[in-house]
PDB file of N, CA and C in Angstrom:
ATOM      1  N   MET A   1     107.645  82.416  67.861  1.00  0.00           N
ATOM      2  CA  MET A   1     107.129  82.040  69.172  1.00  0.00           C
ATOM      3  C   MET A   1     106.223  83.106  69.756  1.00  0.00           C
ATOM      4  N   LYS A   2     106.493  84.399  69.487  1.00  0.00           N
ATOM      5  CA  LYS A   2     105.646  85.458  70.073  1.00  0.00           C
ATOM      6  C   LYS A   2     104.328  85.306  69.471  1.00  0.00           C
ATOM      7  N   SER A   3     104.119  85.014  68.165  1.00  0.00           N
ATOM      8  CA  SER A   3     102.868  84.904  67.509  1.00  0.00           C
ATOM      9  C   SER A   3     101.974  83.812  68.253  1.00  0.00           C
ATOM     10  N   VAL A   4     102.596  82.732  68.534  1.00  0.00           N
ATOM     11  CA  VAL A   4     101.770  81.694  69.249  1.00  0.00           C
ATOM     12  C   VAL A   4     101.207  82.274  70.617  1.00  0.00           C
ATOM     13  N   LYS A   5     102.048  82.885  71.346  1.00  0.00           N
ATOM     14  CA  LYS A   5     101.652  83.490  72.649  1.00  0.00           C
ATOM     15  C   LYS A   5     100.506  84.632  72.470  1.00  0.00           C
ATOM     16  N   THR A   6     100.751  85.302  71.380  1.00  0.00           N
ATOM     17  CA  THR A   6      99.659  86.397  71.037  1.00  0.00           C
ATOM     18  C   THR A   6      98.364  85.742  70.799  1.00  0.00           C
ATOM     19  N   ASP A   7      98.429  84.733  69.966  1.00  0.00           N
ATOM     20  CA  ASP A   7      97.276  83.979  69.500  1.00  0.00           C
ATOM     21  C   ASP A   7      96.557  83.307  70.720  1.00  0.00           C
ATOM     22  N   GLU A   8      97.332  82.729  71.642  1.00  0.00           N
ATOM     23  CA  GLU A   8      96.781  82.130  72.844  1.00  0.00           C
ATOM     24  C   GLU A   8      96.077  83.131  73.763  1.00  0.00           C
ATOM     25  N   LEU A   9      96.793  84.353  73.803  1.00  0.00           N
ATOM     26  CA  LEU A   9      96.220  85.421  74.621  1.00  0.00           C
ATOM     27  C   LEU A   9      94.884  85.974  73.989  1.00  0.00           C
ATOM     28  N   GLN A  10      94.896  86.145  72.666  1.00  0.00           N
ATOM     29  CA  GLN A  10      93.693  86.603  72.015  1.00  0.00           C
ATOM     30  C   GLN A  10      92.623  85.487  72.224  1.00  0.00           C
ATOM     31  N   ILE A  11      92.830  84.313  72.013  1.00  0.00           N
ATOM     32  CA  ILE A  11      91.805  83.262  72.240  1.00  0.00           C
ATOM     33  C   ILE A  11      91.321  83.237  73.692  1.00  0.00           C
ATOM     34  N   LYS A  12      92.259  83.483  74.691  1.00  0.00           N
ATOM     35  CA  LYS A  12      91.837  83.524  76.070  1.00  0.00           C
ATOM     36  C   LYS A  12      90.862  84.684  76.342  1.00  0.00           C
ATOM     37  N   ARG A  13      91.287  85.894  75.783  1.00  0.00           N
ATOM     38  CA  ARG A  13      90.410  87.088  75.899  1.00  0.00           C
ATOM     39  C   ARG A  13      89.048  86.887  75.188  1.00  0.00           C
ATOM     40  N   ALA A  14      89.118  86.277  73.998  1.00  0.00           N
ATOM     41  CA  ALA A  14      87.945  85.974  73.237  1.00  0.00           C
ATOM     42  C   ALA A  14      86.948  85.115  74.121  1.00  0.00           C
ATOM     43  N   SER A  15      87.557  84.090  74.730  1.00  0.00           N
ATOM     44  CA  SER A  15      86.736  83.139  75.520  1.00  0.00           C
ATOM     45  C   SER A  15      86.233  83.794  76.729  1.00  0.00           C
ATOM     46  N   ASP A  16      87.050  84.695  77.383  1.00  0.00           N
ATOM     47  CA  ASP A  16      86.606  85.408  78.596  1.00  0.00           C
ATOM     48  C   ASP A  16      85.399  86.390  78.150  1.00  0.00           C
ATOM     49  N   ALA A  17      85.641  87.072  77.042  1.00  0.00           N
ATOM     50  CA  ALA A  17      84.471  87.950  76.632  1.00  0.00           C
ATOM     51  C   ALA A  17      83.287  87.172  76.311  1.00  0.00           C
ATOM     52  N   ALA A  18      83.283  85.955  75.644  1.00  0.00           N
ATOM     53  CA  ALA A  18      82.146  85.137  75.361  1.00  0.00           C
ATOM     54  C   ALA A  18      81.509  84.716  76.636  1.00  0.00           C
ATOM     55  N   LEU A  19      82.317  84.299  77.603  1.00  0.00           N
ATOM     56  CA  LEU A  19      81.926  83.837  78.854  1.00  0.00           C
ATOM     57  C   LEU A  19      81.185  84.918  79.705  1.00  0.00           C
ATOM     58  N   ALA A  20      81.708  86.105  79.689  1.00  0.00           N
ATOM     59  CA  ALA A  20      81.201  87.317  80.379  1.00  0.00           C
ATOM     60  C   ALA A  20      79.774  87.613  79.765  1.00  0.00           C
ATOM     61  N   SER A  21      79.733  87.444  78.484  1.00  0.00           N
ATOM     62  CA  SER A  21      78.482  87.673  77.708  1.00  0.00           C
ATOM     63  C   SER A  21      77.382  86.737  78.159  1.00  0.00           C
ATOM     64  N   LEU A  22      77.839  85.411  78.225  1.00  0.00           N
ATOM     65  CA  LEU A  22      76.836  84.386  78.711  1.00  0.00           C
ATOM     66  C   LEU A  22      76.451  84.533  80.103  1.00  0.00           C
ATOM     67  N   LEU A  23      77.418  84.996  80.968  1.00  0.00           N
ATOM     68  CA  LEU A  23      77.167  85.174  82.401  1.00  0.00           C
ATOM     69  C   LEU A  23      76.263  86.361  82.652  1.00  0.00           C
ATOM     70  N   ASN A  24      76.328  87.346  81.745  1.00  0.00           N
ATOM     71  CA  ASN A  24      75.422  88.524  81.867  1.00  0.00           C
ATOM     72  C   ASN A  24      74.065  88.139  81.529  1.00  0.00           C
ATOM     73  N   LEU A  25      73.811  87.241  80.658  1.00  0.00           N
ATOM     74  CA  LEU A  25      72.516  86.811  80.282  1.00  0.00           C
ATOM     75  C   LEU A  25      71.919  85.758  81.220  1.00  0.00           C
ATOM     76  N   THR A  26      72.686  85.241  82.118  1.00  0.00           N
ATOM     77  CA  THR A  26      72.186  84.175  83.012  1.00  0.00           C
ATOM     78  C   THR A  26      72.297  84.602  84.545  1.00  0.00           C
ATOM     79  N   ILE A  27      73.520  84.550  85.156  1.00  0.00           N
ATOM     80  CA  ILE A  27      73.476  84.577  86.652  1.00  0.00           C
ATOM     81  C   ILE A  27      74.149  85.921  87.194  1.00  0.00           C
ATOM     82  N   LEU A  28      74.910  86.578  86.413  1.00  0.00           N
ATOM     83  CA  LEU A  28      75.598  87.792  86.879  1.00  0.00           C
ATOM     84  C   LEU A  28      75.440  88.972  86.022  1.00  0.00           C
ATOM     85  N   PRO A  29      74.135  89.558  85.912  1.00  0.00           N
ATOM     86  CA  PRO A  29      73.780  90.532  84.956  1.00  0.00           C
ATOM     87  C   PRO A  29      74.721  91.788  84.908  1.00  0.00           C
ATOM     88  N   VAL A  30      74.847  92.581  85.748  1.00  0.00           N
ATOM     89  CA  VAL A  30      75.573  93.833  85.598  1.00  0.00           C
ATOM     90  C   VAL A  30      77.071  93.662  85.662  1.00  0.00           C
ATOM     91  N   ILE A  31      77.462  92.842  86.692  1.00  0.00           N
ATOM     92  CA  ILE A  31      78.919  92.654  86.905  1.00  0.00           C
ATOM     93  C   ILE A  31      79.548  92.108  85.666  1.00  0.00           C
ATOM     94  N   SER A  32      78.957  91.107  85.131  1.00  0.00           N
ATOM     95  CA  SER A  32      79.571  90.457  83.827  1.00  0.00           C
ATOM     96  C   SER A  32      79.619  91.466  82.666  1.00  0.00           C
ATOM     97  N   PHE A  33      78.662  92.328  82.545  1.00  0.00           N
ATOM     98  CA  PHE A  33      78.711  93.231  81.435  1.00  0.00           C
ATOM     99  C   PHE A  33      79.835  94.367  81.705  1.00  0.00           C
ATOM    100  N   ILE A  34      80.118  94.760  82.921  1.00  0.00           N
ATOM    101  CA  ILE A  34      81.231  95.565  83.178  1.00  0.00           C
ATOM    102  C   ILE A  34      82.508  94.824  82.859  1.00  0.00           C
ATOM    103  N   ALA A  35      82.668  93.568  83.277  1.00  0.00           N
ATOM    104  CA  ALA A  35      83.787  92.797  82.854  1.00  0.00           C
ATOM    105  C   ALA A  35      84.004  92.685  81.392  1.00  0.00           C
ATOM    106  N   LEU A  36      82.819  92.560  80.650  1.00  0.00           N
ATOM    107  CA  LEU A  36      82.932  92.440  79.180  1.00  0.00           C
ATOM    108  C   LEU A  36      83.403  93.728  78.608  1.00  0.00           C
ATOM    109  N   LEU A  37      82.936  94.927  79.181  1.00  0.00           N
ATOM    110  CA  LEU A  37      83.499  96.142  78.690  1.00  0.00           C
ATOM    111  C   LEU A  37      84.986  96.361  79.033  1.00  0.00           C
ATOM    112  N   LEU A  38      85.459  95.824  80.181  1.00  0.00           N
ATOM    113  CA  LEU A  38      86.847  95.954  80.509  1.00  0.00           C
ATOM    114  C   LEU A  38      87.661  95.078  79.495  1.00  0.00           C
ATOM    115  N   ILE A  39      87.139  93.894  79.173  1.00  0.00           N
ATOM    116  CA  ILE A  39      87.842  93.086  78.242  1.00  0.00           C
ATOM    117  C   ILE A  39      87.916  93.755  76.825  1.00  0.00           C
ATOM    118  N   HIS A  40      86.758  94.342  76.473  1.00  0.00           N
ATOM    119  CA  HIS A  40      86.854  95.067  75.214  1.00  0.00           C
ATOM    120  C   HIS A  40      87.946  96.142  75.120  1.00  0.00           C
ATOM    121  N   ARG A  41      88.082  96.830  76.293  1.00  0.00           N
ATOM    122  CA  ARG A  41      89.130  97.926  76.331  1.00  0.00           C
ATOM    123  C   ARG A  41      90.459  97.304  76.039  1.00  0.00           C
ATOM    124  N   LYS A  42      90.747  96.142  76.373  1.00  0.00           N
ATOM    125  CA  LYS A  42      92.125  95.615  76.158  1.00  0.00           C
ATOM    126  C   LYS A  42      92.408  95.028  74.761  1.00  0.00           C
ATOM    127  N   THR A  43      91.359  95.039  73.942  1.00  0.00           N
ATOM    128  CA  THR A  43      91.541  94.438  72.575  1.00  0.00           C
ATOM    129  C   THR A  43      91.908  95.424  71.642  1.00  0.00           C
ATOM    130  N   GLN A  44      92.363  94.901  70.456  1.00  0.00           N
ATOM    131  CA  GLN A  44      92.745  95.708  69.374  1.00  0.00           C
ATOM    132  C   GLN A  44      91.863  95.358  68.171  1.00  0.00           C
ATOM    133  N   ALA A  45      91.601  96.359  67.295  1.00  0.00           N
ATOM    134  CA  ALA A  45      90.728  96.086  66.140  1.00  0.00           C
ATOM    135  C   ALA A  45      91.272  95.005  65.259  1.00  0.00           C
ATOM    136  N   ASP A  46      90.341  94.325  64.586  1.00  0.00           N
ATOM    137  CA  ASP A  46      90.661  93.209  63.720  1.00  0.00           C
ATOM    138  C   ASP A  46      91.335  91.952  64.314  1.00  0.00           C
ATOM    139  N   THR A  47      91.029  91.682  65.606  1.00  0.00           N
ATOM    140  CA  THR A  47      91.540  90.606  66.183  1.00  0.00           C
ATOM    141  C   THR A  47      90.355  89.762  66.654  1.00  0.00           C
ATOM    142  N   ILE A  48      90.650  88.449  66.934  1.00  0.00           N
ATOM    143  CA  ILE A  48      89.550  87.559  67.388  1.00  0.00           C
ATOM    144  C   ILE A  48      88.922  87.933  68.707  1.00  0.00           C
ATOM    145  N   ASP A  49      89.737  88.454  69.674  1.00  0.00           N
ATOM    146  CA  ASP A  49      89.256  88.759  70.929  1.00  0.00           C
ATOM    147  C   ASP A  49      88.375  90.174  70.809  1.00  0.00           C
ATOM    148  N   HIS A  50      88.761  91.010  69.923  1.00  0.00           N
ATOM    149  CA  HIS A  50      87.924  92.284  69.624  1.00  0.00           C
ATOM    150  C   HIS A  50      86.635  91.757  69.059  1.00  0.00           C
ATOM    151  N   TYR A  51      86.659  90.899  68.143  1.00  0.00           N
ATOM    152  CA  TYR A  51      85.462  90.406  67.406  1.00  0.00           C
ATOM    153  C   TYR A  51      84.446  89.902  68.524  1.00  0.00           C
ATOM    154  N   HIS A  52      84.942  89.018  69.412  1.00  0.00           N
ATOM    155  CA  HIS A  52      84.071  88.326  70.374  1.00  0.00           C
ATOM    156  C   HIS A  52      83.673  89.373  71.472  1.00  0.00           C
ATOM    157  N   ALA A  53      84.373  90.262  71.862  1.00  0.00           N
ATOM    158  CA  ALA A  53      84.026  91.368  72.831  1.00  0.00           C
ATOM    159  C   ALA A  53      82.932  92.213  72.233  1.00  0.00           C
ATOM    160  N   VAL A  54      83.144  92.596  70.979  1.00  0.00           N
ATOM    161  CA  VAL A  54      82.103  93.454  70.380  1.00  0.00           C
ATOM    162  C   VAL A  54      80.783  92.637  70.243  1.00  0.00           C
ATOM    163  N   LEU A  55      80.907  91.359  69.794  1.00  0.00           N
ATOM    164  CA  LEU A  55      79.747  90.593  69.587  1.00  0.00           C
ATOM    165  C   LEU A  55      79.041  90.336  70.999  1.00  0.00           C
ATOM    166  N   GLY A  56      79.735  90.210  72.033  1.00  0.00           N
ATOM    167  CA  GLY A  56      79.102  90.030  73.295  1.00  0.00           C
ATOM    168  C   GLY A  56      78.356  91.296  73.750  1.00  0.00           C
ATOM    169  N   VAL A  57      78.921  92.431  73.514  1.00  0.00           N
ATOM    170  CA  VAL A  57      78.321  93.723  73.864  1.00  0.00           C
ATOM    171  C   VAL A  57      77.031  93.805  73.022  1.00  0.00           C
ATOM    172  N   LYS A  58      77.160  93.498  71.737  1.00  0.00           N
ATOM    173  CA  LYS A  58      75.948  93.616  70.832  1.00  0.00           C
ATOM    174  C   LYS A  58      74.794  92.770  71.347  1.00  0.00           C
ATOM    175  N   ILE A  59      75.205  91.500  71.619  1.00  0.00           N
ATOM    176  CA  ILE A  59      74.171  90.566  72.136  1.00  0.00           C
ATOM    177  C   ILE A  59      73.464  90.925  73.389  1.00  0.00           C
ATOM    178  N   ASN A  60      74.268  91.467  74.336  1.00  0.00           N
ATOM    179  CA  ASN A  60      73.669  91.889  75.646  1.00  0.00           C
ATOM    180  C   ASN A  60      72.862  93.171  75.584  1.00  0.00           C
ATOM    181  N   VAL A  61      73.361  94.114  74.720  1.00  0.00           N
ATOM    182  CA  VAL A  61      72.594  95.371  74.569  1.00  0.00           C
ATOM    183  C   VAL A  61      71.224  95.090  73.868  1.00  0.00           C
ATOM    184  N   ILE A  62      71.251  94.336  72.889  1.00  0.00           N
ATOM    185  CA  ILE A  62      70.013  93.906  72.228  1.00  0.00           C
ATOM    186  C   ILE A  62      69.044  93.130  73.115  1.00  0.00           C
ATOM    187  N   ALA A  63      69.616  92.286  73.984  1.00  0.00           N
ATOM    188  CA  ALA A  63      68.714  91.563  74.995  1.00  0.00           C
ATOM    189  C   ALA A  63      68.266  92.539  75.995  1.00  0.00           C
ATOM    190  N   ALA A  64      68.994  93.505  76.401  1.00  0.00           N
ATOM    191  CA  ALA A  64      68.460  94.563  77.342  1.00  0.00           C
ATOM    192  C   ALA A  64      67.368  95.366  76.764  1.00  0.00           C
ATOM    193  N   VAL A  65      67.460  95.763  75.474  1.00  0.00           N
ATOM    194  CA  VAL A  65      66.459  96.611  74.834  1.00  0.00           C
ATOM    195  C   VAL A  65      65.190  95.769  74.681  1.00  0.00           C
ATOM    196  N   VAL A  66      65.314  94.449  74.339  1.00  0.00           N
ATOM    197  CA  VAL A  66      64.124  93.603  74.171  1.00  0.00           C
ATOM    198  C   VAL A  66      63.474  93.454  75.534  1.00  0.00           C
ATOM    199  N   LEU A  67      64.288  93.201  76.621  1.00  0.00           N
ATOM    200  CA  LEU A  67      63.708  93.057  78.007  1.00  0.00           C
ATOM    201  C   LEU A  67      62.895  94.402  78.323  1.00  0.00           C
ATOM    202  N   PHE A  68      63.477  95.465  78.109  1.00  0.00           N
ATOM    203  CA  PHE A  68      62.734  96.764  78.467  1.00  0.00           C
ATOM    204  C   PHE A  68      61.492  96.946  77.635  1.00  0.00           C
ATOM    205  N   LEU A  69      61.537  96.470  76.377  1.00  0.00           N
ATOM    206  CA  LEU A  69      60.212  96.516  75.436  1.00  0.00           C
ATOM    207  C   LEU A  69      59.164  95.649  76.029  1.00  0.00           C
ATOM    208  N   VAL A  70      59.587  94.364  76.440  1.00  0.00           N
ATOM    209  CA  VAL A  70      58.615  93.391  77.020  1.00  0.00           C
ATOM    210  C   VAL A  70      58.146  93.923  78.262  1.00  0.00           C
ATOM    211  N   SER A  71      58.973  94.566  79.151  1.00  0.00           N
ATOM    212  CA  SER A  71      58.452  95.207  80.385  1.00  0.00           C
ATOM    213  C   SER A  71      57.526  96.246  80.183  1.00  0.00           C
ATOM    214  N   ALA A  72      57.869  97.236  79.264  1.00  0.00           N
ATOM    215  CA  ALA A  72      56.917  98.282  78.864  1.00  0.00           C
ATOM    216  C   ALA A  72      55.623  97.727  78.314  1.00  0.00           C
ATOM    217  N   LEU A  73      55.738  96.617  77.520  1.00  0.00           N
ATOM    218  CA  LEU A  73      54.483  96.065  77.046  1.00  0.00           C
ATOM    219  C   LEU A  73      53.596  95.471  78.084  1.00  0.00           C
ATOM    220  N   MET A  74      54.230  94.880  79.093  1.00  0.00           N
ATOM    221  CA  MET A  74      53.500  94.343  80.186  1.00  0.00           C
ATOM    222  C   MET A  74      52.740  95.521  81.008  1.00  0.00           C
ATOM    223  N   ILE A  75      53.399  96.619  81.237  1.00  0.00           N
ATOM    224  CA  ILE A  75      52.831  97.537  82.007  1.00  0.00           C
ATOM    225  C   ILE A  75      51.673  98.381  81.170  1.00  0.00           C
ATOM    226  N   LEU A  76      51.918  98.575  79.884  1.00  0.00           N
ATOM    227  CA  LEU A  76      50.900  99.182  79.097  1.00  0.00           C
ATOM    228  C   LEU A  76      49.681  98.359  78.849  1.00  0.00           C
ATOM    229  N   LEU A  77      49.896  97.049  78.751  1.00  0.00           N
ATOM    230  CA  LEU A  77      48.708  96.210  78.411  1.00  0.00           C
ATOM    231  C   LEU A  77      48.021  95.546  79.507  1.00  0.00           C
ATOM    232  N   GLY A  78      48.258  95.997  80.686  1.00  0.00           N
ATOM    233  CA  GLY A  78      47.543  95.498  81.880  1.00  0.00           C
ATOM    234  C   GLY A  78      48.267  95.586  83.197  1.00  0.00           C
ATOM    235  N   GLY A  79      49.437  96.058  83.227  1.00  0.00           N
ATOM    236  CA  GLY A  79      50.072  96.123  84.493  1.00  0.00           C
ATOM    237  C   GLY A  79      50.533  94.791  85.147  1.00  0.00           C
ATOM    238  N   PHE A  80      50.946  94.918  86.402  1.00  0.00           N
ATOM    239  CA  PHE A  80      51.473  93.656  87.015  1.00  0.00           C
ATOM    240  C   PHE A  80      50.323  92.827  87.653  1.00  0.00           C
ATOM    241  N   ASP A  81      49.058  93.335  87.720  1.00  0.00           N
ATOM    242  CA  ASP A  81      48.027  92.683  88.278  1.00  0.00           C
ATOM    243  C   ASP A  81      47.265  91.791  87.300  1.00  0.00           C
ATOM    244  N   SER A  82      47.451  92.040  86.053  1.00  0.00           N
ATOM    245  CA  SER A  82      46.851  91.227  84.888  1.00  0.00           C
ATOM    246  C   SER A  82      47.403  89.805  84.751  1.00  0.00           C
ATOM    247  N   PRO A  83      46.531  88.809  84.553  1.00  0.00           N
ATOM    248  CA  PRO A  83      46.961  87.471  84.213  1.00  0.00           C
ATOM    249  C   PRO A  83      47.919  87.411  83.056  1.00  0.00           C
ATOM    250  N   TRP A  84      47.670  88.328  82.040  1.00  0.00           N
ATOM    251  CA  TRP A  84      48.422  88.299  80.810  1.00  0.00           C
ATOM    252  C   TRP A  84      49.825  88.739  81.193  1.00  0.00           C
ATOM    253  N   THR A  85      50.217  89.237  82.247  1.00  0.00           N
ATOM    254  CA  THR A  85      51.577  89.593  82.594  1.00  0.00           C
ATOM    255  C   THR A  85      52.400  88.285  82.551  1.00  0.00           C
ATOM    256  N   TRP A  86      51.883  87.239  83.162  1.00  0.00           N
ATOM    257  CA  TRP A  86      52.551  85.986  83.276  1.00  0.00           C
ATOM    258  C   TRP A  86      52.754  85.338  81.921  1.00  0.00           C
ATOM    259  N   VAL A  87      51.870  85.592  81.007  1.00  0.00           N
ATOM    260  CA  VAL A  87      51.982  85.058  79.585  1.00  0.00           C
ATOM    261  C   VAL A  87      53.138  85.776  78.949  1.00  0.00           C
ATOM    262  N   TYR A  88      53.220  87.079  79.091  1.00  0.00           N
ATOM    263  CA  TYR A  88      54.388  87.811  78.562  1.00  0.00           C
ATOM    264  C   TYR A  88      55.752  87.319  79.133  1.00  0.00           C
ATOM    265  N   VAL A  89      55.756  87.268  80.500  1.00  0.00           N
ATOM    266  CA  VAL A  89      56.948  86.927  81.159  1.00  0.00           C
ATOM    267  C   VAL A  89      57.477  85.547  80.822  1.00  0.00           C
ATOM    268  N   ILE A  90      56.554  84.568  80.835  1.00  0.00           N
ATOM    269  CA  ILE A  90      56.981  83.127  80.519  1.00  0.00           C
ATOM    270  C   ILE A  90      57.260  82.972  79.151  1.00  0.00           C
ATOM    271  N   SER A  91      56.457  83.654  78.176  1.00  0.00           N
ATOM    272  CA  SER A  91      56.846  83.600  76.781  1.00  0.00           C
ATOM    273  C   SER A  91      58.179  84.172  76.478  1.00  0.00           C
ATOM    274  N   TYR A  92      58.487  85.309  77.106  1.00  0.00           N
ATOM    275  CA  TYR A  92      59.788  86.026  76.903  1.00  0.00           C
ATOM    276  C   TYR A  92      60.913  85.087  77.246  1.00  0.00           C
ATOM    277  N   PHE A  93      60.795  84.569  78.510  1.00  0.00           N
ATOM    278  CA  PHE A  93      62.017  83.844  78.995  1.00  0.00           C
ATOM    279  C   PHE A  93      62.088  82.441  78.387  1.00  0.00           C
ATOM    280  N   THR A  94      61.004  81.833  77.982  1.00  0.00           N
ATOM    281  CA  THR A  94      61.151  80.527  77.261  1.00  0.00           C
ATOM    282  C   THR A  94      61.491  80.567  75.921  1.00  0.00           C
ATOM    283  N   ILE A  95      61.227  81.754  75.235  1.00  0.00           N
ATOM    284  CA  ILE A  95      61.480  81.809  73.839  1.00  0.00           C
ATOM    285  C   ILE A  95      62.628  82.767  73.505  1.00  0.00           C
ATOM    286  N   VAL A  96      62.425  84.095  73.849  1.00  0.00           N
ATOM    287  CA  VAL A  96      63.388  85.148  73.353  1.00  0.00           C
ATOM    288  C   VAL A  96      64.619  85.084  74.201  1.00  0.00           C
ATOM    289  N   HIS A  97      64.554  84.998  75.437  1.00  0.00           N
ATOM    290  CA  HIS A  97      65.778  84.997  76.276  1.00  0.00           C
ATOM    291  C   HIS A  97      66.635  83.792  76.089  1.00  0.00           C
ATOM    292  N   THR A  98      65.892  82.647  75.792  1.00  0.00           N
ATOM    293  CA  THR A  98      66.624  81.376  75.669  1.00  0.00           C
ATOM    294  C   THR A  98      67.404  81.431  74.280  1.00  0.00           C
ATOM    295  N   ILE A  99      66.872  82.157  73.304  1.00  0.00           N
ATOM    296  CA  ILE A  99      67.553  82.387  72.022  1.00  0.00           C
ATOM    297  C   ILE A  99      68.853  83.197  72.297  1.00  0.00           C
ATOM    298  N   PHE A 100      68.795  84.257  73.073  1.00  0.00           N
ATOM    299  CA  PHE A 100      69.928  85.006  73.371  1.00  0.00           C
ATOM    300  C   PHE A 100      71.045  84.123  74.015  1.00  0.00           C
ATOM    301  N   ILE A 101      70.606  83.299  75.027  1.00  0.00           N
ATOM    302  CA  ILE A 101      71.524  82.467  75.777  1.00  0.00           C
ATOM    303  C   ILE A 101      72.172  81.392  74.877  1.00  0.00           C
ATOM    304  N   VAL A 102      71.419  80.863  73.974  1.00  0.00           N
ATOM    305  CA  VAL A 102      71.950  79.866  73.056  1.00  0.00           C
ATOM    306  C   VAL A 102      72.953  80.555  72.053  1.00  0.00           C
ATOM    307  N   PHE A 103      72.654  81.715  71.658  1.00  0.00           N
ATOM    308  CA  PHE A 103      73.509  82.443  70.721  1.00  0.00           C
ATOM    309  C   PHE A 103      74.847  82.723  71.461  1.00  0.00           C
ATOM    310  N   ALA A 104      74.760  83.173  72.720  1.00  0.00           N
ATOM    311  CA  ALA A 104      76.026  83.460  73.490  1.00  0.00           C
ATOM    312  C   ALA A 104      76.810  82.176  73.805  1.00  0.00           C
ATOM    313  N   LEU A 105      76.077  81.019  73.937  1.00  0.00           N
ATOM    314  CA  LEU A 105      76.776  79.826  74.193  1.00  0.00           C
ATOM    315  C   LEU A 105      77.464  79.383  72.853  1.00  0.00           C
ATOM    316  N   TRP A 106      76.884  79.620  71.772  1.00  0.00           N
ATOM    317  CA  TRP A 106      77.491  79.232  70.417  1.00  0.00           C
ATOM    318  C   TRP A 106      78.692  80.156  70.261  1.00  0.00           C
ATOM    319  N   ALA A 107      78.651  81.393  70.654  1.00  0.00           N
ATOM    320  CA  ALA A 107      79.800  82.299  70.590  1.00  0.00           C
ATOM    321  C   ALA A 107      80.918  81.826  71.461  1.00  0.00           C
ATOM    322  N   LEU A 108      80.599  81.359  72.666  1.00  0.00           N
ATOM    323  CA  LEU A 108      81.592  80.838  73.495  1.00  0.00           C
ATOM    324  C   LEU A 108      82.298  79.678  72.956  1.00  0.00           C
ATOM    325  N   VAL A 109      81.652  78.796  72.419  1.00  0.00           N
ATOM    326  CA  VAL A 109      82.343  77.518  71.833  1.00  0.00           C
ATOM    327  C   VAL A 109      83.082  77.914  70.657  1.00  0.00           C
ATOM    328  N   ARG A 110      82.695  79.003  69.835  1.00  0.00           N
ATOM    329  CA  ARG A 110      83.422  79.335  68.711  1.00  0.00           C
ATOM    330  C   ARG A 110      84.735  80.104  69.158  1.00  0.00           C
ATOM    331  N   ALA A 111      84.625  80.834  70.341  1.00  0.00           N
ATOM    332  CA  ALA A 111      85.714  81.578  70.811  1.00  0.00           C
ATOM    333  C   ALA A 111      86.729  80.632  71.441  1.00  0.00           C
ATOM    334  N   TRP A 112      86.314  79.579  72.020  1.00  0.00           N
ATOM    335  CA  TRP A 112      87.242  78.507  72.451  1.00  0.00           C
ATOM    336  C   TRP A 112      88.133  77.927  71.360  1.00  0.00           C
ATOM    337  N   SER A 113      87.513  77.878  70.150  1.00  0.00           N
ATOM    338  CA  SER A 113      88.207  77.317  69.026  1.00  0.00           C
ATOM    339  C   SER A 113      89.068  78.390  68.300  1.00  0.00           C
ATOM    340  N   GLY A 114      88.866  79.697  68.730  1.00  0.00           N
ATOM    341  CA  GLY A 114      89.539  80.796  68.090  1.00  0.00           C
ATOM    342  C   GLY A 114      88.941  81.175  66.654  1.00  0.00           C
ATOM    343  N   ASP A 115      87.653  80.991  66.563  1.00  0.00           N
ATOM    344  CA  ASP A 115      86.940  81.239  65.281  1.00  0.00           C
ATOM    345  C   ASP A 115      85.915  82.278  65.550  1.00  0.00           C
ATOM    346  N   ARG A 116      85.462  82.786  64.425  1.00  0.00           N
ATOM    347  CA  ARG A 116      84.302  83.721  64.387  1.00  0.00           C
ATOM    348  C   ARG A 116      83.001  82.833  64.217  1.00  0.00           C
ATOM    349  N   LEU A 117      81.811  83.463  64.403  1.00  0.00           N
ATOM    350  CA  LEU A 117      80.617  82.727  64.283  1.00  0.00           C
ATOM    351  C   LEU A 117      80.460  82.212  62.897  1.00  0.00           C
ATOM    352  N   TRP A 118      80.722  83.179  61.851  1.00  0.00           N
ATOM    353  CA  TRP A 118      80.626  82.818  60.473  1.00  0.00           C
ATOM    354  C   TRP A 118      81.995  82.926  59.890  1.00  0.00           C
ATOM    355  N   SER A 119      82.322  81.929  59.115  1.00  0.00           N
ATOM    356  CA  SER A 119      83.716  81.923  58.468  1.00  0.00           C
ATOM    357  C   SER A 119      83.734  82.691  57.203  1.00  0.00           C
TER     358      SER A 119
END
């Protein structure tokens, strides 16, 4: 009986971690990342909740690095007064950031089922 409760708790934490990852990419940037780190602290290695917490941290750190690179590119190639700035911003959000969001959503669905992204 304890194993079932442990599994349910791990799936709940995995789902919470995946949701925090998705929220960090969409409507609650820094607050959700802090929540994700707090969830990560409660997990143990080689469990499904640890897997999804680490995955969420990786997705969000990579997304932040890409965002900073695009921002630096905008400043270096014309600043904020250039019309090309809008090309970079719109392209980034419609292509790259959307990929991060879809990936986080896929992770959330897999966390709900208690699975990893790849079996």
